Amino acid sequence: MAQAKIPMDASRFTTGMSWKDYMAQMGDTRARTEENYQKSQLTEDERKFFGGVKSVKYAIMTVENWCGDVHRNSPLVAHVVEAIPGAELRCFLRDKEADLRDALLNNGYQSIPVAVFFDKDWNELGRWVERAHAATAKAALIRAQTVDLAPKDDKAKQDAAMNDMRAKVAEAYNAPGGPMWRAAAAELRLVMENAEKRK
C-alpha cells in the first residue's frame, strides 16, 4: 500500500512547535518528558552517526501530551534531529491536525509519535512510528503478565494492573544502558541509512 503524501511544506512547517516550545506547553506531563530527555541522550557512536547524515533538512513529529509513547520516545527523536547538522524539528498535536494524522496512519491506527524526515525539497526520506519493535514486544509481554491476568469485570483490579504495567514498562526503559532507547536509535539509524542511499 502506497503511503499518503504528507501535507507539509515550508509555510506549514513554521506553524509547528519547536522541541523547546512543545516542552513548554506540556503542563503537568512536562517533568516526565524532561526526565526522559535527560535519560535518552545519544551514545557517542549514535551521535557520530547522526552527525554524519547529510540528506535530512526537516523533521516533523506528531505528538499529544497525554501519550506514554510520546513521553518516552519523542525525546529520543529530538536528540536524533539535534545531532543532524542543519536539521530542524517541528512538533504537531495530532488531534488538531486531522490531515496530518490521516496521512500518517499506522495500518489504520492513529499511532504517536510519528516522526517523518524530509530533504530540503520536502521529499519524504523516511518515517519512524511510535516505539522500537523491541519495546512493543516487551510491552506485550508485560501486558500478558499484568492487565491480561486481571479480571475483566473488576475495574479496580484492571486499573491496578494497568498501573503495574505502566510502572514495569518505565522500568524497562530505565534499565542500565537504556536498551529500549538504544533499540529506537538503531531503528532510526536504519531510516537514515536508507535516506542517505536514496540521495
C-alpha atoms as a PDB file:
ATOM      1  CA  MET A   1       0.000   0.000   0.000  1.00  0.00           C
ATOM      2  CA  ALA A   2       1.452   3.364  -1.015  1.00  0.00           C
ATOM      3  CA  GLN A   3       1.980   5.915   1.715  1.00  0.00           C
ATOM      4  CA  ALA A   4      -0.177   9.032   1.572  1.00  0.00           C
ATOM      5  CA  LYS A   5       1.557  12.246   0.553  1.00  0.00           C
ATOM      6  CA  ILE A   6       2.147  14.240   3.692  1.00  0.00           C
ATOM      7  CA  PRO A   7       0.618  17.733   3.602  1.00  0.00           C
ATOM      8  CA  MET A   8       3.785  19.583   4.579  1.00  0.00           C
ATOM      9  CA  ASP A   9       5.746  22.463   3.108  1.00  0.00           C
ATOM     10  CA  ALA A  10       7.861  25.348   4.378  1.00  0.00           C
ATOM     11  CA  SER A  11       4.924  27.531   5.416  1.00  0.00           C
ATOM     12  CA  ARG A  12       3.107  24.713   7.224  1.00  0.00           C
ATOM     13  CA  PHE A  13       6.338  23.662   8.918  1.00  0.00           C
ATOM     14  CA  THR A  14       6.668  27.079  10.564  1.00  0.00           C
ATOM     15  CA  THR A  15       3.274  26.581  12.276  1.00  0.00           C
ATOM     16  CA  GLY A  16       4.639  23.595  14.207  1.00  0.00           C
ATOM     17  CA  MET A  17       6.232  23.849  17.642  1.00  0.00           C
ATOM     18  CA  SER A  18       9.964  23.623  18.140  1.00  0.00           C
ATOM     19  CA  TRP A  19      11.002  20.943  20.640  1.00  0.00           C
ATOM     20  CA  LYS A  20      11.535  23.662  23.249  1.00  0.00           C
ATOM     21  CA  ASP A  21       8.076  25.161  22.605  1.00  0.00           C
ATOM     22  CA  TYR A  22       6.446  21.741  22.691  1.00  0.00           C
ATOM     23  CA  MET A  23       8.022  21.037  26.079  1.00  0.00           C
ATOM     24  CA  ALA A  24       6.978  24.476  27.369  1.00  0.00           C
ATOM     25  CA  GLN A  25       3.264  23.881  26.703  1.00  0.00           C
ATOM     26  CA  MET A  26       3.079  20.392  28.245  1.00  0.00           C
ATOM     27  CA  GLY A  27       1.774  21.317  31.671  1.00  0.00           C
ATOM     28  CA  ASP A  28       1.695  18.545  34.269  1.00  0.00           C
ATOM     29  CA  THR A  29       3.297  15.970  31.957  1.00  0.00           C
ATOM     30  CA  ARG A  30       6.371  18.074  31.246  1.00  0.00           C
ATOM     31  CA  ALA A  31       8.552  16.776  34.088  1.00  0.00           C
ATOM     32  CA  ARG A  32       8.255  13.174  32.876  1.00  0.00           C
ATOM     33  CA  THR A  33       9.226  14.104  29.332  1.00  0.00           C
ATOM     34  CA  GLU A  34      12.126  16.279  30.512  1.00  0.00           C
ATOM     35  CA  GLU A  35      13.376  13.395  32.641  1.00  0.00           C
ATOM     36  CA  ASN A  36      13.239  11.071  29.618  1.00  0.00           C
ATOM     37  CA  TYR A  37      15.025  13.703  27.533  1.00  0.00           C
ATOM     38  CA  GLN A  38      17.920  13.561  30.004  1.00  0.00           C
ATOM     39  CA  LYS A  39      17.906   9.754  30.211  1.00  0.00           C
ATOM     40  CA  SER A  40      17.679   9.153  26.452  1.00  0.00           C
ATOM     41  CA  GLN A  41      20.856  11.048  25.469  1.00  0.00           C
ATOM     42  CA  LEU A  42      22.567   9.554  22.431  1.00  0.00           C
ATOM     43  CA  THR A  43      25.661   7.424  22.869  1.00  0.00           C
ATOM     44  CA  GLU A  44      28.902   8.683  21.349  1.00  0.00           C
ATOM     45  CA  ASP A  45      28.554   6.216  18.474  1.00  0.00           C
ATOM     46  CA  GLU A  46      24.942   7.276  17.803  1.00  0.00           C
ATOM     47  CA  ARG A  47      25.872  10.970  17.920  1.00  0.00           C
ATOM     48  CA  LYS A  48      28.712  10.352  15.480  1.00  0.00           C
ATOM     49  CA  PHE A  49      26.468   8.503  13.031  1.00  0.00           C
ATOM     50  CA  PHE A  50      23.607  11.028  13.088  1.00  0.00           C
ATOM     51  CA  GLY A  51      26.160  13.833  12.892  1.00  0.00           C
ATOM     52  CA  GLY A  52      27.180  12.458   9.501  1.00  0.00           C
ATOM     53  CA  VAL A  53      23.667  12.450   7.997  1.00  0.00           C
ATOM     54  CA  LYS A  54      23.526  14.919   5.107  1.00  0.00           C
ATOM     55  CA  SER A  55      20.187  14.370   3.372  1.00  0.00           C
ATOM     56  CA  VAL A  56      17.753  15.314   6.172  1.00  0.00           C
ATOM     57  CA  LYS A  57      16.830  19.003   6.441  1.00  0.00           C
ATOM     58  CA  TYR A  58      13.388  18.888   8.089  1.00  0.00           C
ATOM     59  CA  ALA A  59      11.639  16.556  10.528  1.00  0.00           C
ATOM     60  CA  ILE A  60       8.112  16.621  11.862  1.00  0.00           C
ATOM     61  CA  MET A  61       6.667  14.658  14.753  1.00  0.00           C
ATOM     62  CA  THR A  62       3.014  14.132  15.682  1.00  0.00           C
ATOM     63  CA  VAL A  63       2.510  14.195  19.440  1.00  0.00           C
ATOM     64  CA  GLU A  64      -0.025  14.512  22.265  1.00  0.00           C
ATOM     65  CA  ASN A  65       0.746  15.434  25.866  1.00  0.00           C
ATOM     66  CA  TRP A  66      -1.168  12.506  27.389  1.00  0.00           C
ATOM     67  CA  CYS A  67       0.574   9.683  25.476  1.00  0.00           C
ATOM     68  CA  GLY A  68       3.098   7.447  27.243  1.00  0.00           C
ATOM     69  CA  ASP A  69       4.883   6.551  23.998  1.00  0.00           C
ATOM     70  CA  VAL A  70       5.294  10.267  23.285  1.00  0.00           C
ATOM     71  CA  HIS A  71       6.767  10.870  26.767  1.00  0.00           C
ATOM     72  CA  ARG A  72       9.213   8.012  26.292  1.00  0.00           C
ATOM     73  CA  ASN A  73      10.173   8.284  22.624  1.00  0.00           C
ATOM     74  CA  SER A  74       9.764  11.868  21.422  1.00  0.00           C
ATOM     75  CA  PRO A  75      12.846  12.940  23.444  1.00  0.00           C
ATOM     76  CA  LEU A  76      14.994  10.413  21.577  1.00  0.00           C
ATOM     77  CA  VAL A  77      13.708  11.688  18.221  1.00  0.00           C
ATOM     78  CA  ALA A  78      14.553  15.225  19.375  1.00  0.00           C
ATOM     79  CA  HIS A  79      18.113  14.118  20.217  1.00  0.00           C
ATOM     80  CA  VAL A  80      18.488  12.490  16.788  1.00  0.00           C
ATOM     81  CA  VAL A  81      17.353  15.621  14.908  1.00  0.00           C
ATOM     82  CA  GLU A  82      19.562  17.824  17.104  1.00  0.00           C
ATOM     83  CA  ALA A  83      22.549  15.659  16.102  1.00  0.00           C
ATOM     84  CA  ILE A  84      21.918  16.028  12.331  1.00  0.00           C
ATOM     85  CA  PRO A  85      23.756  19.111  11.069  1.00  0.00           C
ATOM     86  CA  GLY A  86      21.339  21.834   9.953  1.00  0.00           C
ATOM     87  CA  ALA A  87      18.193  19.762  10.536  1.00  0.00           C
ATOM     88  CA  GLU A  88      15.086  21.298  12.112  1.00  0.00           C
ATOM     89  CA  LEU A  89      12.251  19.610  14.035  1.00  0.00           C
ATOM     90  CA  ARG A  90       8.662  20.767  14.465  1.00  0.00           C
ATOM     91  CA  CYS A  91       6.021  19.069  16.609  1.00  0.00           C
ATOM     92  CA  PHE A  92       2.339  18.967  15.695  1.00  0.00           C
ATOM     93  CA  LEU A  93      -0.510  17.960  18.018  1.00  0.00           C
ATOM     94  CA  ARG A  94      -2.102  15.010  16.246  1.00  0.00           C
ATOM     95  CA  ASP A  95      -5.696  15.695  17.284  1.00  0.00           C
ATOM     96  CA  LYS A  96      -5.583  19.294  15.997  1.00  0.00           C
ATOM     97  CA  GLU A  97      -4.052  18.380  12.628  1.00  0.00           C
ATOM     98  CA  ALA A  98      -6.555  15.974  11.055  1.00  0.00           C
ATOM     99  CA  ASP A  99      -4.960  15.953   7.598  1.00  0.00           C
ATOM    100  CA  LEU A 100      -1.525  15.165   9.046  1.00  0.00           C
ATOM    101  CA  ARG A 101      -2.994  12.486  11.305  1.00  0.00           C
ATOM    102  CA  ASP A 102      -4.780  10.824   8.385  1.00  0.00           C
ATOM    103  CA  ALA A 103      -1.659  10.898   6.195  1.00  0.00           C
ATOM    104  CA  LEU A 104       0.349   9.185   8.950  1.00  0.00           C
ATOM    105  CA  LEU A 105      -1.926   6.276   9.866  1.00  0.00           C
ATOM    106  CA  ASN A 106      -0.107   3.143  11.025  1.00  0.00           C
ATOM    107  CA  ASN A 107      -2.047   0.244   9.478  1.00  0.00           C
ATOM    108  CA  GLY A 108      -5.207   2.235  10.170  1.00  0.00           C
ATOM    109  CA  TYR A 109      -4.197   3.274  13.691  1.00  0.00           C
ATOM    110  CA  GLN A 110      -3.544   6.846  14.815  1.00  0.00           C
ATOM    111  CA  SER A 111      -0.186   5.985  16.397  1.00  0.00           C
ATOM    112  CA  ILE A 112       2.005   8.615  18.046  1.00  0.00           C
ATOM    113  CA  PRO A 113       4.669   9.719  17.973  1.00  0.00           C
ATOM    114  CA  VAL A 114       5.258   9.516  14.232  1.00  0.00           C
ATOM    115  CA  ALA A 115       8.483  11.131  13.072  1.00  0.00           C
ATOM    116  CA  VAL A 116       8.904  11.934   9.372  1.00  0.00           C
ATOM    117  CA  PHE A 117      12.134  13.095   7.757  1.00  0.00           C
ATOM    118  CA  PHE A 118      12.365  15.275   4.628  1.00  0.00           C
ATOM    119  CA  ASP A 119      15.083  16.602   2.388  1.00  0.00           C
ATOM    120  CA  LYS A 120      15.445  20.316   1.570  1.00  0.00           C
ATOM    121  CA  ASP A 121      12.804  19.999  -1.195  1.00  0.00           C
ATOM    122  CA  TRP A 122      10.201  18.351   1.090  1.00  0.00           C
ATOM    123  CA  ASN A 123      10.635  14.880  -0.357  1.00  0.00           C
ATOM    124  CA  GLU A 124       9.912  12.312   2.336  1.00  0.00           C
ATOM    125  CA  LEU A 125      13.043  10.305   3.159  1.00  0.00           C
ATOM    126  CA  GLY A 126      11.566   8.015   5.791  1.00  0.00           C
ATOM    127  CA  ARG A 127       9.479   7.755   8.921  1.00  0.00           C
ATOM    128  CA  TRP A 128       9.581   6.100  12.319  1.00  0.00           C
ATOM    129  CA  VAL A 129       6.449   5.157  14.250  1.00  0.00           C
ATOM    130  CA  GLU A 130       5.592   5.042  17.967  1.00  0.00           C
ATOM    131  CA  ARG A 131       8.302   2.910  19.591  1.00  0.00           C
ATOM    132  CA  ALA A 132      11.011   0.386  18.839  1.00  0.00           C
ATOM    133  CA  HIS A 133       9.920  -3.136  17.879  1.00  0.00           C
ATOM    134  CA  ALA A 134      11.792  -4.418  20.937  1.00  0.00           C
ATOM    135  CA  ALA A 135       9.735  -2.099  23.150  1.00  0.00           C
ATOM    136  CA  THR A 136       6.481  -3.295  21.556  1.00  0.00           C
ATOM    137  CA  ALA A 137       7.463  -6.914  22.258  1.00  0.00           C
ATOM    138  CA  LYS A 138       8.466  -6.078  25.837  1.00  0.00           C
ATOM    139  CA  ALA A 139       5.215  -4.175  26.468  1.00  0.00           C
ATOM    140  CA  ALA A 140       3.182  -7.115  25.090  1.00  0.00           C
ATOM    141  CA  LEU A 141       4.984  -9.480  27.463  1.00  0.00           C
ATOM    142  CA  ILE A 142       4.374  -7.175  30.423  1.00  0.00           C
ATOM    143  CA  ARG A 143       0.697  -6.790  29.458  1.00  0.00           C
ATOM    144  CA  ALA A 144       0.318 -10.595  29.362  1.00  0.00           C
ATOM    145  CA  GLN A 145       1.653 -10.737  32.939  1.00  0.00           C
ATOM    146  CA  THR A 146      -0.460  -7.857  34.293  1.00  0.00           C
ATOM    147  CA  VAL A 147      -3.518  -6.461  32.508  1.00  0.00           C
ATOM    148  CA  ASP A 148      -4.420  -9.695  30.718  1.00  0.00           C
ATOM    149  CA  LEU A 149      -4.495 -11.578  34.039  1.00  0.00           C
ATOM    150  CA  ALA A 150      -6.764  -9.087  35.830  1.00  0.00           C
ATOM    151  CA  PRO A 151     -10.478  -9.979  35.973  1.00  0.00           C
ATOM    152  CA  LYS A 152     -12.289  -8.150  33.175  1.00  0.00           C
ATOM    153  CA  ASP A 153     -15.305  -7.451  35.385  1.00  0.00           C
ATOM    154  CA  ASP A 154     -13.298  -5.823  38.204  1.00  0.00           C
ATOM    155  CA  LYS A 155     -12.464  -2.221  37.334  1.00  0.00           C
ATOM    156  CA  ALA A 156     -10.313  -1.701  40.433  1.00  0.00           C
ATOM    157  CA  LYS A 157      -8.152  -4.731  39.608  1.00  0.00           C
ATOM    158  CA  GLN A 158      -7.974  -3.731  35.932  1.00  0.00           C
ATOM    159  CA  ASP A 159      -6.840  -0.217  36.927  1.00  0.00           C
ATOM    160  CA  ALA A 160      -4.259  -1.622  39.369  1.00  0.00           C
ATOM    161  CA  ALA A 161      -2.955  -3.987  36.684  1.00  0.00           C
ATOM    162  CA  MET A 162      -2.706  -1.110  34.189  1.00  0.00           C
ATOM    163  CA  ASN A 163      -0.705   0.944  36.714  1.00  0.00           C
ATOM    164  CA  ASP A 164       1.531  -2.076  37.339  1.00  0.00           C
ATOM    165  CA  MET A 165       2.074  -2.462  33.580  1.00  0.00           C
ATOM    166  CA  ARG A 166       2.974   1.231  33.183  1.00  0.00           C
ATOM    167  CA  ALA A 167       5.480   1.002  36.040  1.00  0.00           C
ATOM    168  CA  LYS A 168       7.097  -2.101  34.535  1.00  0.00           C
ATOM    169  CA  VAL A 169       7.332  -0.527  31.064  1.00  0.00           C
ATOM    170  CA  ALA A 170       9.020   2.504  32.671  1.00  0.00           C
ATOM    171  CA  GLU A 171      11.453   0.134  34.419  1.00  0.00           C
ATOM    172  CA  ALA A 172      12.305  -1.445  31.054  1.00  0.00           C
ATOM    173  CA  TYR A 173      13.180   1.972  29.609  1.00  0.00           C
ATOM    174  CA  ASN A 174      15.189   2.897  32.697  1.00  0.00           C
ATOM    175  CA  ALA A 175      17.248  -0.302  32.692  1.00  0.00           C
ATOM    176  CA  PRO A 176      21.039   0.299  32.651  1.00  0.00           C
ATOM    177  CA  GLY A 177      22.167   1.415  29.210  1.00  0.00           C
ATOM    178  CA  GLY A 178      18.631   2.373  28.134  1.00  0.00           C
ATOM    179  CA  PRO A 179      18.028  -0.724  25.960  1.00  0.00           C
ATOM    180  CA  MET A 180      14.651   0.480  24.648  1.00  0.00           C
ATOM    181  CA  TRP A 181      16.129   3.836  23.599  1.00  0.00           C
ATOM    182  CA  ARG A 182      19.128   2.098  22.037  1.00  0.00           C
ATOM    183  CA  ALA A 183      16.708  -0.089  20.047  1.00  0.00           C
ATOM    184  CA  ALA A 184      14.831   3.020  18.876  1.00  0.00           C
ATOM    185  CA  ALA A 185      18.087   4.736  17.928  1.00  0.00           C
ATOM    186  CA  ALA A 186      19.094   1.646  15.916  1.00  0.00           C
ATOM    187  CA  GLU A 187      15.784   1.754  14.009  1.00  0.00           C
ATOM    188  CA  LEU A 188      16.174   5.483  13.353  1.00  0.00           C
ATOM    189  CA  ARG A 189      19.690   4.788  12.126  1.00  0.00           C
ATOM    190  CA  LEU A 190      18.251   2.349   9.547  1.00  0.00           C
ATOM    191  CA  VAL A 191      15.785   5.037   8.420  1.00  0.00           C
ATOM    192  CA  MET A 192      18.698   7.446   7.932  1.00  0.00           C
ATOM    193  CA  GLU A 193      20.872   4.890   6.159  1.00  0.00           C
ATOM    194  CA  ASN A 194      18.048   4.269   3.686  1.00  0.00           C
ATOM    195  CA  ALA A 195      17.545   8.034   3.289  1.00  0.00           C
ATOM    196  CA  GLU A 196      21.232   8.554   2.507  1.00  0.00           C
ATOM    197  CA  LYS A 197      21.139   5.795  -0.131  1.00  0.00           C
ATOM    198  CA  ARG A 198      18.231   7.494  -1.922  1.00  0.00           C
ATOM    199  CA  LYS A 199      20.119  10.774  -2.387  1.00  0.00           C
END
